[in-house]
Amino acid sequence: MGETRWKRPWLAMLLGTLLTGFGHLYLRRWWRALGWLLATYATMVLFVPSAATDALISQIMSLKPVSVPIVDVLPLLLVGIASVFDAYVLARMNNQRVLEQQMGIQRCSNCHRPIDPDVSFCQWCANPRDEPSENEIS
């Protein structure tokens, strides 16, 4: 149940491009997806003129090509691009973590750097290493 699965960064980017937050939903980052949706909404309310928002919504609903000036919707585009980039980076970080688990690389619980299995502490921050309990060994 606690097993992490390999994710496809290109799919996270594609889904995030279709709709802000969908890439994060694919990665099962529910709160992060909600955060990006709220950031998009806040950007639309605070930085995009209401006339541009109304024109954009009406053109999208009528399936017409969008002809709103790019300067008016640039803040929305920037938030969308940042969301796509964030989903891509999260998918890559997830894959790195899965690869390290498969290779048996252990990380320090304090500084998150790789630790040497021969010593009982982290050589980077001197934090004592968490030893597996009796139940985990057998």
N, C-alpha and C. Protein backbone atom coordinates (compact mmCIF):
# COMPACT_ATOMS: atom_id res chain seq x y z
N MET A 1 0.82 -1.19 0.00
CA MET A 1 0.00 0.00 0.00
C MET A 1 0.86 1.26 0.00
N GLY A 2 2.02 1.23 0.68
CA GLY A 2 2.88 2.38 0.72
C GLY A 2 3.85 2.43 -0.45
N GLU A 3 3.68 1.52 -1.41
CA GLU A 3 4.59 1.45 -2.54
C GLU A 3 4.33 2.61 -3.49
N THR A 4 5.40 3.27 -3.90
CA THR A 4 5.31 4.37 -4.84
C THR A 4 5.50 3.82 -6.24
N ARG A 5 4.73 4.30 -7.19
CA ARG A 5 4.79 3.79 -8.54
C ARG A 5 5.48 4.79 -9.45
N TRP A 6 6.00 4.26 -10.54
CA TRP A 6 6.67 5.06 -11.56
C TRP A 6 5.63 5.93 -12.26
N LYS A 7 5.93 7.22 -12.45
CA LYS A 7 5.01 8.15 -13.11
C LYS A 7 5.64 8.64 -14.41
N ARG A 8 4.82 9.03 -15.35
CA ARG A 8 5.28 9.52 -16.65
C ARG A 8 5.25 11.05 -16.64
N PRO A 9 6.42 11.70 -16.66
CA PRO A 9 6.45 13.16 -16.63
C PRO A 9 5.75 13.79 -17.84
N TRP A 10 5.88 13.18 -19.01
CA TRP A 10 5.25 13.74 -20.20
C TRP A 10 3.73 13.72 -20.08
N LEU A 11 3.19 12.68 -19.43
CA LEU A 11 1.74 12.61 -19.25
C LEU A 11 1.27 13.66 -18.24
N ALA A 12 2.05 13.87 -17.19
CA ALA A 12 1.71 14.91 -16.22
C ALA A 12 1.71 16.28 -16.89
N MET A 13 2.68 16.51 -17.79
CA MET A 13 2.72 17.78 -18.52
C MET A 13 1.52 17.92 -19.46
N LEU A 14 1.21 16.85 -20.17
CA LEU A 14 0.09 16.90 -21.11
C LEU A 14 -1.23 17.17 -20.39
N LEU A 15 -1.46 16.46 -19.30
CA LEU A 15 -2.69 16.67 -18.54
C LEU A 15 -2.74 18.07 -17.94
N GLY A 16 -1.59 18.55 -17.45
CA GLY A 16 -1.53 19.90 -16.89
C GLY A 16 -1.75 20.97 -17.94
N THR A 17 -1.39 20.66 -19.19
CA THR A 17 -1.62 21.61 -20.28
C THR A 17 -3.10 21.68 -20.63
N LEU A 18 -3.78 20.54 -20.56
CA LEU A 18 -5.21 20.52 -20.89
C LEU A 18 -6.02 21.34 -19.90
N LEU A 19 -5.72 21.18 -18.62
CA LEU A 19 -6.43 21.95 -17.59
C LEU A 19 -5.52 22.06 -16.37
N THR A 20 -5.41 23.24 -15.84
CA THR A 20 -4.54 23.48 -14.70
C THR A 20 -4.92 22.56 -13.54
N GLY A 21 -3.94 21.83 -13.04
CA GLY A 21 -4.16 20.94 -11.91
C GLY A 21 -4.36 19.49 -12.28
N PHE A 22 -4.68 19.18 -13.55
CA PHE A 22 -4.90 17.79 -13.95
C PHE A 22 -3.62 16.96 -13.85
N GLY A 23 -2.47 17.56 -14.14
CA GLY A 23 -1.21 16.85 -14.00
C GLY A 23 -0.95 16.46 -12.56
N HIS A 24 -1.33 17.32 -11.65
CA HIS A 24 -1.16 17.03 -10.23
C HIS A 24 -2.15 15.96 -9.76
N LEU A 25 -3.33 15.94 -10.33
CA LEU A 25 -4.29 14.88 -10.00
C LEU A 25 -3.76 13.53 -10.46
N TYR A 26 -3.12 13.49 -11.62
CA TYR A 26 -2.50 12.26 -12.10
C TYR A 26 -1.42 11.78 -11.13
N LEU A 27 -0.70 12.72 -10.55
CA LEU A 27 0.36 12.39 -9.59
C LEU A 27 -0.18 12.13 -8.18
N ARG A 28 -1.48 12.23 -8.02
CA ARG A 28 -2.16 12.04 -6.74
C ARG A 28 -1.73 13.09 -5.70
N ARG A 29 -1.54 14.28 -6.16
CA ARG A 29 -1.23 15.41 -5.29
C ARG A 29 -2.47 16.28 -5.23
N TRP A 30 -3.46 15.82 -4.47
CA TRP A 30 -4.78 16.45 -4.46
C TRP A 30 -4.72 17.90 -4.00
N TRP A 31 -4.04 18.15 -2.89
CA TRP A 31 -4.00 19.51 -2.33
C TRP A 31 -3.21 20.45 -3.23
N ARG A 32 -2.19 19.93 -3.87
CA ARG A 32 -1.41 20.76 -4.77
C ARG A 32 -2.24 21.14 -6.00
N ALA A 33 -3.03 20.19 -6.51
CA ALA A 33 -3.92 20.49 -7.64
C ALA A 33 -4.92 21.57 -7.24
N LEU A 34 -5.49 21.44 -6.06
CA LEU A 34 -6.43 22.46 -5.58
C LEU A 34 -5.73 23.81 -5.43
N GLY A 35 -4.49 23.79 -4.95
CA GLY A 35 -3.73 25.03 -4.82
C GLY A 35 -3.50 25.72 -6.16
N TRP A 36 -3.19 24.93 -7.19
CA TRP A 36 -2.99 25.52 -8.51
C TRP A 36 -4.31 26.05 -9.08
N LEU A 37 -5.40 25.35 -8.82
CA LEU A 37 -6.70 25.87 -9.28
C LEU A 37 -7.04 27.18 -8.58
N LEU A 38 -6.78 27.24 -7.28
CA LEU A 38 -7.03 28.49 -6.55
C LEU A 38 -6.10 29.60 -7.02
N ALA A 39 -4.85 29.27 -7.32
CA ALA A 39 -3.92 30.28 -7.83
C ALA A 39 -4.38 30.80 -9.19
N THR A 40 -4.89 29.92 -10.02
CA THR A 40 -5.41 30.33 -11.33
C THR A 40 -6.62 31.25 -11.16
N TYR A 41 -7.52 30.87 -10.27
CA TYR A 41 -8.71 31.68 -10.03
C TYR A 41 -8.32 33.06 -9.46
N ALA A 42 -7.41 33.06 -8.48
CA ALA A 42 -6.98 34.33 -7.88
C ALA A 42 -6.30 35.22 -8.92
N THR A 43 -5.50 34.63 -9.78
CA THR A 43 -4.84 35.40 -10.84
C THR A 43 -5.87 35.98 -11.80
N MET A 44 -6.88 35.18 -12.13
CA MET A 44 -7.92 35.66 -13.04
C MET A 44 -8.68 36.83 -12.41
N VAL A 45 -9.00 36.73 -11.14
CA VAL A 45 -9.77 37.78 -10.47
C VAL A 45 -8.93 39.04 -10.27
N LEU A 46 -7.67 38.87 -9.87
CA LEU A 46 -6.85 40.02 -9.50
C LEU A 46 -6.15 40.70 -10.67
N PHE A 47 -5.72 39.94 -11.69
CA PHE A 47 -4.84 40.51 -12.70
C PHE A 47 -5.40 40.55 -14.12
N VAL A 48 -6.45 39.80 -14.39
CA VAL A 48 -7.02 39.78 -15.74
C VAL A 48 -8.24 40.69 -15.77
N PRO A 49 -8.31 41.61 -16.73
CA PRO A 49 -9.49 42.50 -16.81
C PRO A 49 -10.77 41.69 -17.00
N SER A 50 -11.84 42.16 -16.39
CA SER A 50 -13.10 41.41 -16.46
C SER A 50 -13.64 41.31 -17.88
N ALA A 51 -13.38 42.31 -18.71
CA ALA A 51 -13.83 42.25 -20.11
C ALA A 51 -13.11 41.12 -20.84
N ALA A 52 -11.83 40.97 -20.58
CA ALA A 52 -11.07 39.88 -21.21
C ALA A 52 -11.54 38.53 -20.71
N THR A 53 -11.85 38.44 -19.42
CA THR A 53 -12.35 37.18 -18.85
C THR A 53 -13.69 36.81 -19.47
N ASP A 54 -14.59 37.78 -19.58
CA ASP A 54 -15.90 37.52 -20.17
C ASP A 54 -15.78 37.09 -21.63
N ALA A 55 -14.92 37.79 -22.38
CA ALA A 55 -14.74 37.45 -23.80
C ALA A 55 -14.12 36.06 -23.95
N LEU A 56 -13.16 35.76 -23.10
CA LEU A 56 -12.50 34.45 -23.15
C LEU A 56 -13.48 33.33 -22.85
N ILE A 57 -14.28 33.50 -21.82
CA ILE A 57 -15.25 32.46 -21.44
C ILE A 57 -16.31 32.28 -22.52
N SER A 58 -16.81 33.37 -23.07
CA SER A 58 -17.85 33.25 -24.11
C SER A 58 -17.30 32.60 -25.37
N GLN A 59 -16.07 32.91 -25.74
CA GLN A 59 -15.48 32.31 -26.94
C GLN A 59 -15.18 30.83 -26.73
N ILE A 60 -14.77 30.47 -25.53
CA ILE A 60 -14.49 29.05 -25.25
C ILE A 60 -15.79 28.26 -25.25
N MET A 61 -16.85 28.81 -24.65
CA MET A 61 -18.13 28.11 -24.59
C MET A 61 -18.77 27.95 -25.97
N SER A 62 -18.54 28.90 -26.86
CA SER A 62 -19.12 28.79 -28.20
C SER A 62 -18.19 28.07 -29.17
N LEU A 63 -17.07 27.57 -28.67
CA LEU A 63 -16.09 26.81 -29.46
C LEU A 63 -15.53 27.62 -30.63
N LYS A 64 -15.42 28.92 -30.44
CA LYS A 64 -14.82 29.79 -31.45
C LYS A 64 -13.34 29.96 -31.12
N PRO A 65 -12.54 30.30 -32.13
CA PRO A 65 -11.14 30.59 -31.84
C PRO A 65 -11.03 31.79 -30.90
N VAL A 66 -10.11 31.71 -29.99
CA VAL A 66 -9.95 32.77 -28.99
C VAL A 66 -9.21 33.94 -29.61
N SER A 67 -9.79 35.14 -29.49
CA SER A 67 -9.16 36.34 -30.05
C SER A 67 -8.99 37.43 -28.99
N VAL A 68 -8.69 37.03 -27.79
CA VAL A 68 -8.45 37.98 -26.70
C VAL A 68 -6.98 38.40 -26.78
N PRO A 69 -6.68 39.69 -26.57
CA PRO A 69 -5.27 40.12 -26.59
C PRO A 69 -4.43 39.32 -25.59
N ILE A 70 -3.26 38.90 -26.03
CA ILE A 70 -2.39 38.04 -25.22
C ILE A 70 -1.94 38.75 -23.94
N VAL A 71 -1.79 40.07 -24.01
CA VAL A 71 -1.33 40.82 -22.84
C VAL A 71 -2.36 40.73 -21.71
N ASP A 72 -3.63 40.66 -22.07
CA ASP A 72 -4.68 40.60 -21.05
C ASP A 72 -4.69 39.27 -20.30
N VAL A 73 -4.38 38.19 -21.00
CA VAL A 73 -4.44 36.87 -20.37
C VAL A 73 -3.05 36.31 -20.04
N LEU A 74 -2.02 37.13 -20.19
CA LEU A 74 -0.65 36.68 -19.90
C LEU A 74 -0.48 36.17 -18.47
N PRO A 75 -1.06 36.81 -17.45
CA PRO A 75 -0.92 36.25 -16.10
C PRO A 75 -1.49 34.83 -15.98
N LEU A 76 -2.61 34.57 -16.64
CA LEU A 76 -3.18 33.22 -16.62
C LEU A 76 -2.26 32.22 -17.31
N LEU A 77 -1.67 32.64 -18.42
CA LEU A 77 -0.75 31.76 -19.13
C LEU A 77 0.48 31.45 -18.27
N LEU A 78 0.99 32.45 -17.57
CA LEU A 78 2.17 32.23 -16.73
C LEU A 78 1.88 31.26 -15.59
N VAL A 79 0.71 31.39 -14.97
CA VAL A 79 0.33 30.46 -13.90
C VAL A 79 0.16 29.06 -14.47
N GLY A 80 -0.44 28.95 -15.64
CA GLY A 80 -0.62 27.64 -16.28
C GLY A 80 0.71 26.99 -16.62
N ILE A 81 1.65 27.76 -17.15
CA ILE A 81 2.97 27.23 -17.48
C ILE A 81 3.70 26.81 -16.22
N ALA A 82 3.60 27.60 -15.16
CA ALA A 82 4.24 27.23 -13.89
C ALA A 82 3.64 25.94 -13.33
N SER A 83 2.34 25.76 -13.48
CA SER A 83 1.68 24.54 -13.02
C SER A 83 2.17 23.32 -13.79
N VAL A 84 2.29 23.45 -15.10
CA VAL A 84 2.78 22.35 -15.94
C VAL A 84 4.22 22.00 -15.56
N PHE A 85 5.05 23.01 -15.38
CA PHE A 85 6.44 22.78 -14.99
C PHE A 85 6.51 22.10 -13.62
N ASP A 86 5.67 22.52 -12.69
CA ASP A 86 5.65 21.92 -11.36
C ASP A 86 5.24 20.45 -11.43
N ALA A 87 4.25 20.13 -12.24
CA ALA A 87 3.82 18.73 -12.38
C ALA A 87 4.95 17.89 -12.97
N TYR A 88 5.66 18.43 -13.94
CA TYR A 88 6.78 17.72 -14.56
C TYR A 88 7.88 17.44 -13.53
N VAL A 89 8.24 18.46 -12.77
CA VAL A 89 9.30 18.30 -11.76
C VAL A 89 8.88 17.30 -10.69
N LEU A 90 7.63 17.35 -10.25
CA LEU A 90 7.15 16.39 -9.25
C LEU A 90 7.21 14.96 -9.77
N ALA A 91 6.83 14.76 -11.03
CA ALA A 91 6.89 13.41 -11.61
C ALA A 91 8.33 12.93 -11.70
N ARG A 92 9.25 13.80 -12.07
CA ARG A 92 10.67 13.41 -12.14
C ARG A 92 11.21 13.09 -10.75
N MET A 93 10.85 13.89 -9.75
CA MET A 93 11.30 13.63 -8.38
C MET A 93 10.73 12.31 -7.87
N ASN A 94 9.48 12.02 -8.20
CA ASN A 94 8.87 10.75 -7.81
C ASN A 94 9.64 9.58 -8.43
N ASN A 95 9.98 9.70 -9.71
CA ASN A 95 10.71 8.63 -10.38
C ASN A 95 12.10 8.44 -9.79
N GLN A 96 12.74 9.53 -9.39
CA GLN A 96 14.05 9.42 -8.74
C GLN A 96 13.93 8.69 -7.41
N ARG A 97 12.89 8.99 -6.66
CA ARG A 97 12.66 8.33 -5.37
C ARG A 97 12.38 6.84 -5.56
N VAL A 98 11.60 6.49 -6.58
CA VAL A 98 11.30 5.08 -6.86
C VAL A 98 12.58 4.35 -7.25
N LEU A 99 13.40 4.97 -8.08
CA LEU A 99 14.66 4.36 -8.51
C LEU A 99 15.58 4.13 -7.32
N GLU A 100 15.64 5.09 -6.41
CA GLU A 100 16.48 4.93 -5.22
C GLU A 100 15.96 3.81 -4.32
N GLN A 101 14.64 3.67 -4.22
CA GLN A 101 14.07 2.58 -3.43
C GLN A 101 14.42 1.24 -4.05
N GLN A 102 14.35 1.14 -5.37
CA GLN A 102 14.67 -0.11 -6.05
C GLN A 102 16.14 -0.46 -5.90
N MET A 103 17.01 0.55 -5.87
CA MET A 103 18.44 0.32 -5.73
C MET A 103 18.86 0.13 -4.28
N GLY A 104 17.96 0.39 -3.35
CA GLY A 104 18.26 0.22 -1.93
C GLY A 104 19.04 1.38 -1.32
N ILE A 105 19.01 2.53 -1.95
CA ILE A 105 19.70 3.71 -1.42
C ILE A 105 18.89 4.28 -0.27
N GLN A 106 19.54 4.48 0.87
CA GLN A 106 18.87 5.05 2.04
C GLN A 106 19.23 6.53 2.15
N ARG A 107 18.28 7.30 2.66
CA ARG A 107 18.49 8.74 2.84
C ARG A 107 18.31 9.10 4.30
N CYS A 108 19.00 10.14 4.72
CA CYS A 108 18.89 10.64 6.09
C CYS A 108 17.50 11.25 6.30
N SER A 109 16.91 10.99 7.44
CA SER A 109 15.59 11.54 7.72
C SER A 109 15.65 13.03 8.06
N ASN A 110 16.85 13.54 8.32
CA ASN A 110 17.00 14.95 8.69
C ASN A 110 17.37 15.82 7.49
N CYS A 111 18.47 15.47 6.79
CA CYS A 111 18.95 16.30 5.68
C CYS A 111 18.62 15.73 4.31
N HIS A 112 18.11 14.51 4.24
CA HIS A 112 17.66 13.84 3.01
C HIS A 112 18.79 13.56 2.02
N ARG A 113 20.02 13.53 2.47
CA ARG A 113 21.13 13.15 1.61
C ARG A 113 21.37 11.65 1.73
N PRO A 114 22.00 11.05 0.72
CA PRO A 114 22.29 9.61 0.80
C PRO A 114 23.25 9.32 1.96
N ILE A 115 23.01 8.22 2.66
CA ILE A 115 23.86 7.88 3.80
C ILE A 115 24.62 6.59 3.54
N ASP A 116 25.74 6.48 4.18
CA ASP A 116 26.59 5.31 4.08
C ASP A 116 26.03 4.22 4.99
N PRO A 117 25.75 3.03 4.46
CA PRO A 117 25.16 1.99 5.31
C PRO A 117 26.12 1.43 6.35
N ASP A 118 27.40 1.75 6.24
CA ASP A 118 28.39 1.20 7.18
C ASP A 118 28.47 1.97 8.50
N VAL A 119 27.93 3.17 8.55
CA VAL A 119 28.01 3.97 9.78
C VAL A 119 26.62 4.12 10.38
N SER A 120 26.58 4.41 11.68
CA SER A 120 25.29 4.49 12.38
C SER A 120 24.77 5.93 12.48
N PHE A 121 25.35 6.84 11.71
CA PHE A 121 24.90 8.22 11.71
C PHE A 121 25.07 8.78 10.30
N CYS A 122 24.43 9.91 10.06
CA CYS A 122 24.55 10.57 8.76
C CYS A 122 25.89 11.30 8.71
N GLN A 123 26.67 11.04 7.69
CA GLN A 123 27.98 11.68 7.58
C GLN A 123 27.87 13.15 7.19
N TRP A 124 26.68 13.61 6.81
CA TRP A 124 26.50 14.99 6.39
C TRP A 124 26.06 15.88 7.55
N CYS A 125 25.13 15.39 8.37
CA CYS A 125 24.59 16.24 9.44
C CYS A 125 24.78 15.63 10.83
N ALA A 126 25.38 14.47 10.92
CA ALA A 126 25.67 13.78 12.18
C ALA A 126 24.40 13.37 12.94
N ASN A 127 23.30 13.28 12.25
CA ASN A 127 22.06 12.82 12.86
C ASN A 127 22.13 11.30 13.02
N PRO A 128 21.75 10.77 14.20
CA PRO A 128 21.77 9.31 14.36
C PRO A 128 20.80 8.66 13.38
N ARG A 129 21.27 7.57 12.79
CA ARG A 129 20.45 6.87 11.80
C ARG A 129 19.36 6.07 12.48
N ASP A 130 18.18 6.05 11.89
CA ASP A 130 17.08 5.25 12.42
C ASP A 130 17.36 3.79 12.09
N GLU A 131 17.58 3.00 13.11
CA GLU A 131 17.82 1.57 12.92
C GLU A 131 16.49 0.85 12.82
N PRO A 132 16.37 -0.16 11.95
CA PRO A 132 15.11 -0.91 11.88
C PRO A 132 14.85 -1.65 13.18
N SER A 133 13.60 -1.70 13.56
CA SER A 133 13.23 -2.38 14.80
C SER A 133 13.28 -3.89 14.61
N GLU A 134 13.09 -4.63 15.70
CA GLU A 134 13.13 -6.10 15.66
C GLU A 134 12.07 -6.65 14.72
N ASN A 135 10.89 -6.02 14.69
CA ASN A 135 9.79 -6.50 13.85
C ASN A 135 10.09 -6.31 12.37
N GLU A 136 10.81 -5.23 12.02
CA GLU A 136 11.12 -4.96 10.62
C GLU A 136 12.21 -5.87 10.10
N ILE A 137 13.10 -6.32 10.98
CA ILE A 137 14.22 -7.16 10.55
C ILE A 137 13.72 -8.55 10.16
N SER A 138 12.85 -9.13 10.97
CA SER A 138 12.40 -10.50 10.69
C SER A 138 11.24 -10.56 9.75
